[in-house]
């Protein structure tokens, strides 16, 4: 497989409409440069880190891949991890990519069907205990150990990035990957 000819297909879109709650599925999301997803709870020009520091927001969206979520679920001993539970905004399908998180390196751009660069990957999403706690809360009958999530999801939690221009992403949209 040539890494210069990869297409990603949007198979799920989610928004965080209530702080602290799992995300909700939506049929489209609107992204704005220097802001992020319109209507998402953690968007804006700046964001506050868990340390309290205010930083420029370079996390307009997070994206995951179902294969990696399945691998994390297996490692945690759960049947499934829904992208909404970990507040992932976009779930991309792409059978050609073996390891989504490691393949989409910082600087990778996603081009829309017209060939315009509309998204840029800024880094790997670091798995956190809060996500593990949200997973456990969705599966109370399984006595899930939330603390397993950060280690199980290391290198498989997906990526985050910014919007390069204002546009709308819809379910089943496709994007071409352009590596740096």
C-alpha atoms as a PDB file:
ATOM      1  CA  UNK A   1       0.000   0.000   0.000  1.00  0.00           C
ATOM      2  CA  UNK A   2       1.288   3.458  -0.902  1.00  0.00           C
ATOM      3  CA  UNK A   3       0.903   6.005   1.869  1.00  0.00           C
ATOM      4  CA  UNK A   4       0.400   8.777  -0.692  1.00  0.00           C
ATOM      5  CA  UNK A   5      -3.022   7.531  -1.762  1.00  0.00           C
ATOM      6  CA  UNK A   6      -5.103   7.188   1.418  1.00  0.00           C
ATOM      7  CA  UNK A   7      -8.756   8.148   1.700  1.00  0.00           C
ATOM      8  CA  UNK A   8     -10.559   8.532   5.025  1.00  0.00           C
ATOM      9  CA  UNK A   9     -14.362   8.179   5.255  1.00  0.00           C
ATOM     10  CA  UNK A  10     -16.348   9.805   8.057  1.00  0.00           C
ATOM     11  CA  UNK A  11     -18.427   7.076   9.744  1.00  0.00           C
ATOM     12  CA  UNK A  12     -19.468   8.969  12.901  1.00  0.00           C
ATOM     13  CA  UNK A  13     -19.647  12.567  14.076  1.00  0.00           C
ATOM     14  CA  UNK A  14     -20.131  13.649  17.688  1.00  0.00           C
ATOM     15  CA  UNK A  15     -20.400  16.856  19.661  1.00  0.00           C
ATOM     16  CA  UNK A  16     -19.973  17.563  23.340  1.00  0.00           C
ATOM     17  CA  UNK A  17     -23.013  19.693  24.119  1.00  0.00           C
ATOM     18  CA  UNK A  18     -22.951  19.373  27.931  1.00  0.00           C
ATOM     19  CA  UNK A  19     -19.696  19.616  29.870  1.00  0.00           C
ATOM     20  CA  UNK A  20     -18.914  16.383  31.710  1.00  0.00           C
ATOM     21  CA  UNK A  21     -21.423  14.279  29.740  1.00  0.00           C
ATOM     22  CA  UNK A  22     -20.731  11.883  26.872  1.00  0.00           C
ATOM     23  CA  UNK A  23     -20.959  13.376  23.394  1.00  0.00           C
ATOM     24  CA  UNK A  24     -24.041  13.093  21.208  1.00  0.00           C
ATOM     25  CA  UNK A  25     -24.143  11.861  17.606  1.00  0.00           C
ATOM     26  CA  UNK A  26     -24.773  14.476  14.927  1.00  0.00           C
ATOM     27  CA  UNK A  27     -25.077  14.314  11.145  1.00  0.00           C
ATOM     28  CA  UNK A  28     -22.705  17.225  10.560  1.00  0.00           C
ATOM     29  CA  UNK A  29     -20.255  19.514  12.324  1.00  0.00           C
ATOM     30  CA  UNK A  30     -19.226  23.026  11.348  1.00  0.00           C
ATOM     31  CA  UNK A  31     -15.589  23.966  11.933  1.00  0.00           C
ATOM     32  CA  UNK A  32     -14.157  27.477  12.104  1.00  0.00           C
ATOM     33  CA  UNK A  33     -10.424  28.344  12.096  1.00  0.00           C
ATOM     34  CA  UNK A  34      -9.052  29.680  15.401  1.00  0.00           C
ATOM     35  CA  UNK A  35     -12.148  28.321  17.139  1.00  0.00           C
ATOM     36  CA  UNK A  36     -13.082  24.698  16.390  1.00  0.00           C
ATOM     37  CA  UNK A  37     -16.478  23.005  16.202  1.00  0.00           C
ATOM     38  CA  UNK A  38     -19.388  25.415  16.496  1.00  0.00           C
ATOM     39  CA  UNK A  39     -21.544  24.409  19.486  1.00  0.00           C
ATOM     40  CA  UNK A  40     -18.969  22.078  21.080  1.00  0.00           C
ATOM     41  CA  UNK A  41     -18.398  22.749  24.793  1.00  0.00           C
ATOM     42  CA  UNK A  42     -14.607  22.996  24.730  1.00  0.00           C
ATOM     43  CA  UNK A  43     -14.068  25.232  21.712  1.00  0.00           C
ATOM     44  CA  UNK A  44     -12.735  28.762  21.408  1.00  0.00           C
ATOM     45  CA  UNK A  45      -9.528  30.664  20.685  1.00  0.00           C
ATOM     46  CA  UNK A  46      -8.037  29.427  23.954  1.00  0.00           C
ATOM     47  CA  UNK A  47      -8.547  26.470  26.245  1.00  0.00           C
ATOM     48  CA  UNK A  48      -7.751  25.777  29.864  1.00  0.00           C
ATOM     49  CA  UNK A  49      -5.532  22.782  30.542  1.00  0.00           C
ATOM     50  CA  UNK A  50      -6.061  20.526  33.550  1.00  0.00           C
ATOM     51  CA  UNK A  51      -3.181  22.422  35.216  1.00  0.00           C
ATOM     52  CA  UNK A  52      -5.179  25.661  34.929  1.00  0.00           C
ATOM     53  CA  UNK A  53      -2.896  27.128  32.264  1.00  0.00           C
ATOM     54  CA  UNK A  54      -4.644  29.031  29.459  1.00  0.00           C
ATOM     55  CA  UNK A  55      -3.196  28.088  26.046  1.00  0.00           C
ATOM     56  CA  UNK A  56      -3.976  28.697  22.371  1.00  0.00           C
ATOM     57  CA  UNK A  57      -6.501  26.124  21.223  1.00  0.00           C
ATOM     58  CA  UNK A  58      -4.876  23.750  18.735  1.00  0.00           C
ATOM     59  CA  UNK A  59      -7.433  21.074  19.487  1.00  0.00           C
ATOM     60  CA  UNK A  60     -10.384  21.974  17.274  1.00  0.00           C
ATOM     61  CA  UNK A  61     -11.340  18.309  16.845  1.00  0.00           C
ATOM     62  CA  UNK A  62     -10.301  14.820  17.842  1.00  0.00           C
ATOM     63  CA  UNK A  63     -10.460  11.867  15.473  1.00  0.00           C
ATOM     64  CA  UNK A  64     -10.346   8.120  16.050  1.00  0.00           C
ATOM     65  CA  UNK A  65     -10.476   4.889  14.072  1.00  0.00           C
ATOM     66  CA  UNK A  66     -12.828   1.966  14.871  1.00  0.00           C
ATOM     67  CA  UNK A  67     -10.074  -0.659  14.607  1.00  0.00           C
ATOM     68  CA  UNK A  68      -8.000   1.060  17.274  1.00  0.00           C
ATOM     69  CA  UNK A  69     -11.030   1.521  19.526  1.00  0.00           C
ATOM     70  CA  UNK A  70     -11.669  -2.221  19.147  1.00  0.00           C
ATOM     71  CA  UNK A  71      -8.087  -2.996  20.144  1.00  0.00           C
ATOM     72  CA  UNK A  72      -8.421  -0.782  23.227  1.00  0.00           C
ATOM     73  CA  UNK A  73     -11.752  -2.425  24.107  1.00  0.00           C
ATOM     74  CA  UNK A  74     -10.114  -5.873  23.865  1.00  0.00           C
ATOM     75  CA  UNK A  75      -7.244  -4.741  26.094  1.00  0.00           C
ATOM     76  CA  UNK A  76      -9.730  -3.464  28.681  1.00  0.00           C
ATOM     77  CA  UNK A  77     -11.930  -6.555  28.469  1.00  0.00           C
ATOM     78  CA  UNK A  78     -15.006  -4.683  27.240  1.00  0.00           C
ATOM     79  CA  UNK A  79     -17.111  -5.481  24.153  1.00  0.00           C
ATOM     80  CA  UNK A  80     -16.975  -1.987  22.630  1.00  0.00           C
ATOM     81  CA  UNK A  81     -15.795   1.588  23.091  1.00  0.00           C
ATOM     82  CA  UNK A  82     -18.113   4.084  21.475  1.00  0.00           C
ATOM     83  CA  UNK A  83     -16.273   7.223  20.232  1.00  0.00           C
ATOM     84  CA  UNK A  84     -18.879   9.330  22.079  1.00  0.00           C
ATOM     85  CA  UNK A  85     -17.736   7.938  25.419  1.00  0.00           C
ATOM     86  CA  UNK A  86     -14.239   9.372  24.958  1.00  0.00           C
ATOM     87  CA  UNK A  87     -15.510  12.604  23.358  1.00  0.00           C
ATOM     88  CA  UNK A  88     -14.045  11.903  19.902  1.00  0.00           C
ATOM     89  CA  UNK A  89     -15.596  14.261  17.356  1.00  0.00           C
ATOM     90  CA  UNK A  90     -14.831  12.312  14.180  1.00  0.00           C
ATOM     91  CA  UNK A  91     -14.550   8.583  13.582  1.00  0.00           C
ATOM     92  CA  UNK A  92     -12.804   7.799  10.293  1.00  0.00           C
ATOM     93  CA  UNK A  93     -12.845   4.446   8.519  1.00  0.00           C
ATOM     94  CA  UNK A  94      -9.871   3.534   6.380  1.00  0.00           C
ATOM     95  CA  UNK A  95      -9.018  -0.131   5.849  1.00  0.00           C
ATOM     96  CA  UNK A  96      -5.615   0.760   4.341  1.00  0.00           C
ATOM     97  CA  UNK A  97      -4.240   2.231   7.564  1.00  0.00           C
ATOM     98  CA  UNK A  98      -2.936  -0.353  10.000  1.00  0.00           C
ATOM     99  CA  UNK A  99      -2.278   2.134  12.825  1.00  0.00           C
ATOM    100  CA  UNK A 100      -4.309   5.343  12.477  1.00  0.00           C
ATOM    101  CA  UNK A 101      -2.784   7.191  15.450  1.00  0.00           C
ATOM    102  CA  UNK A 102       0.816   6.550  14.438  1.00  0.00           C
ATOM    103  CA  UNK A 103       0.228   7.078  10.702  1.00  0.00           C
ATOM    104  CA  UNK A 104      -1.410  10.520  10.896  1.00  0.00           C
ATOM    105  CA  UNK A 105       1.621  12.401  12.194  1.00  0.00           C
ATOM    106  CA  UNK A 106       1.766  16.076  13.112  1.00  0.00           C
ATOM    107  CA  UNK A 107       1.565  18.229   9.976  1.00  0.00           C
ATOM    108  CA  UNK A 108      -0.577  15.736   8.036  1.00  0.00           C
ATOM    109  CA  UNK A 109      -3.315  17.566   6.150  1.00  0.00           C
ATOM    110  CA  UNK A 110      -6.735  16.292   5.144  1.00  0.00           C
ATOM    111  CA  UNK A 111      -8.009  17.472   1.783  1.00  0.00           C
ATOM    112  CA  UNK A 112     -11.687  17.737   0.904  1.00  0.00           C
ATOM    113  CA  UNK A 113     -13.110  16.365  -2.360  1.00  0.00           C
ATOM    114  CA  UNK A 114     -12.096  19.603  -4.128  1.00  0.00           C
ATOM    115  CA  UNK A 115      -8.464  19.122  -3.076  1.00  0.00           C
ATOM    116  CA  UNK A 116      -8.412  21.938  -0.503  1.00  0.00           C
ATOM    117  CA  UNK A 117      -6.496  21.422   2.745  1.00  0.00           C
ATOM    118  CA  UNK A 118      -9.212  21.818   5.389  1.00  0.00           C
ATOM    119  CA  UNK A 119      -7.841  20.016   8.473  1.00  0.00           C
ATOM    120  CA  UNK A 120      -4.338  19.683   9.876  1.00  0.00           C
ATOM    121  CA  UNK A 121      -3.207  17.122  12.430  1.00  0.00           C
ATOM    122  CA  UNK A 122      -1.407  18.739  15.382  1.00  0.00           C
ATOM    123  CA  UNK A 123      -0.650  15.660  17.471  1.00  0.00           C
ATOM    124  CA  UNK A 124      -1.656  12.409  19.102  1.00  0.00           C
ATOM    125  CA  UNK A 125      -4.439  12.507  21.668  1.00  0.00           C
ATOM    126  CA  UNK A 126      -3.169  11.488  25.089  1.00  0.00           C
ATOM    127  CA  UNK A 127      -5.499   8.977  26.802  1.00  0.00           C
ATOM    128  CA  UNK A 128      -6.765  10.135  30.184  1.00  0.00           C
ATOM    129  CA  UNK A 129      -8.393   8.596  33.225  1.00  0.00           C
ATOM    130  CA  UNK A 130     -11.564  10.691  32.724  1.00  0.00           C
ATOM    131  CA  UNK A 131     -12.207   8.842  29.455  1.00  0.00           C
ATOM    132  CA  UNK A 132     -11.724   5.534  31.263  1.00  0.00           C
ATOM    133  CA  UNK A 133     -14.239   6.671  33.865  1.00  0.00           C
ATOM    134  CA  UNK A 134     -16.789   7.567  31.165  1.00  0.00           C
ATOM    135  CA  UNK A 135     -16.309   4.110  29.582  1.00  0.00           C
ATOM    136  CA  UNK A 136     -16.801   2.423  32.960  1.00  0.00           C
ATOM    137  CA  UNK A 137     -19.951   4.487  33.595  1.00  0.00           C
ATOM    138  CA  UNK A 138     -21.465   3.201  30.327  1.00  0.00           C
ATOM    139  CA  UNK A 139     -20.794  -0.428  31.260  1.00  0.00           C
ATOM    140  CA  UNK A 140     -21.616  -0.623  35.008  1.00  0.00           C
ATOM    141  CA  UNK A 141     -22.574  -4.311  34.799  1.00  0.00           C
ATOM    142  CA  UNK A 142     -19.008  -5.225  33.759  1.00  0.00           C
ATOM    143  CA  UNK A 143     -17.089  -3.617  36.651  1.00  0.00           C
ATOM    144  CA  UNK A 144     -14.678  -1.957  34.214  1.00  0.00           C
ATOM    145  CA  UNK A 145     -11.421  -0.700  35.697  1.00  0.00           C
ATOM    146  CA  UNK A 146     -11.204   2.901  34.438  1.00  0.00           C
ATOM    147  CA  UNK A 147      -7.494   3.089  35.232  1.00  0.00           C
ATOM    148  CA  UNK A 148      -6.794   0.533  32.477  1.00  0.00           C
ATOM    149  CA  UNK A 149      -7.784   2.990  29.741  1.00  0.00           C
ATOM    150  CA  UNK A 150      -4.695   5.277  29.646  1.00  0.00           C
ATOM    151  CA  UNK A 151      -2.276   2.353  29.206  1.00  0.00           C
ATOM    152  CA  UNK A 152      -4.558   0.340  26.876  1.00  0.00           C
ATOM    153  CA  UNK A 153      -5.186   3.391  24.669  1.00  0.00           C
ATOM    154  CA  UNK A 154      -1.586   4.631  24.524  1.00  0.00           C
ATOM    155  CA  UNK A 155      -0.726   5.085  20.840  1.00  0.00           C
ATOM    156  CA  UNK A 156      -4.303   4.193  19.847  1.00  0.00           C
ATOM    157  CA  UNK A 157      -6.392   7.125  21.150  1.00  0.00           C
ATOM    158  CA  UNK A 158      -6.411   8.940  17.804  1.00  0.00           C
ATOM    159  CA  UNK A 159      -5.294  12.407  16.846  1.00  0.00           C
ATOM    160  CA  UNK A 160      -6.288  16.034  17.286  1.00  0.00           C
ATOM    161  CA  UNK A 161      -5.993  18.995  14.988  1.00  0.00           C
ATOM    162  CA  UNK A 162      -7.192  22.316  13.681  1.00  0.00           C
ATOM    163  CA  UNK A 163      -9.529  23.635  11.009  1.00  0.00           C
ATOM    164  CA  UNK A 164      -7.661  25.463   8.240  1.00  0.00           C
ATOM    165  CA  UNK A 165     -10.790  27.036   6.816  1.00  0.00           C
ATOM    166  CA  UNK A 166     -14.467  27.288   7.649  1.00  0.00           C
ATOM    167  CA  UNK A 167     -16.399  24.283   6.410  1.00  0.00           C
ATOM    168  CA  UNK A 168     -18.916  21.610   7.307  1.00  0.00           C
ATOM    169  CA  UNK A 169     -18.186  17.883   7.658  1.00  0.00           C
ATOM    170  CA  UNK A 170     -21.038  15.447   7.071  1.00  0.00           C
ATOM    171  CA  UNK A 171     -21.383  11.718   7.614  1.00  0.00           C
ATOM    172  CA  UNK A 172     -19.735   9.736   4.810  1.00  0.00           C
ATOM    173  CA  UNK A 173     -17.647  12.684   3.572  1.00  0.00           C
ATOM    174  CA  UNK A 174     -14.247  11.580   2.317  1.00  0.00           C
ATOM    175  CA  UNK A 175     -10.844  13.167   2.784  1.00  0.00           C
ATOM    176  CA  UNK A 176      -7.533  12.520   1.065  1.00  0.00           C
ATOM    177  CA  UNK A 177      -4.497  12.336   3.327  1.00  0.00           C
ATOM    178  CA  UNK A 178      -1.446  14.475   2.494  1.00  0.00           C
ATOM    179  CA  UNK A 179       1.582  13.749   4.628  1.00  0.00           C
ATOM    180  CA  UNK A 180       4.120  16.460   5.546  1.00  0.00           C
END
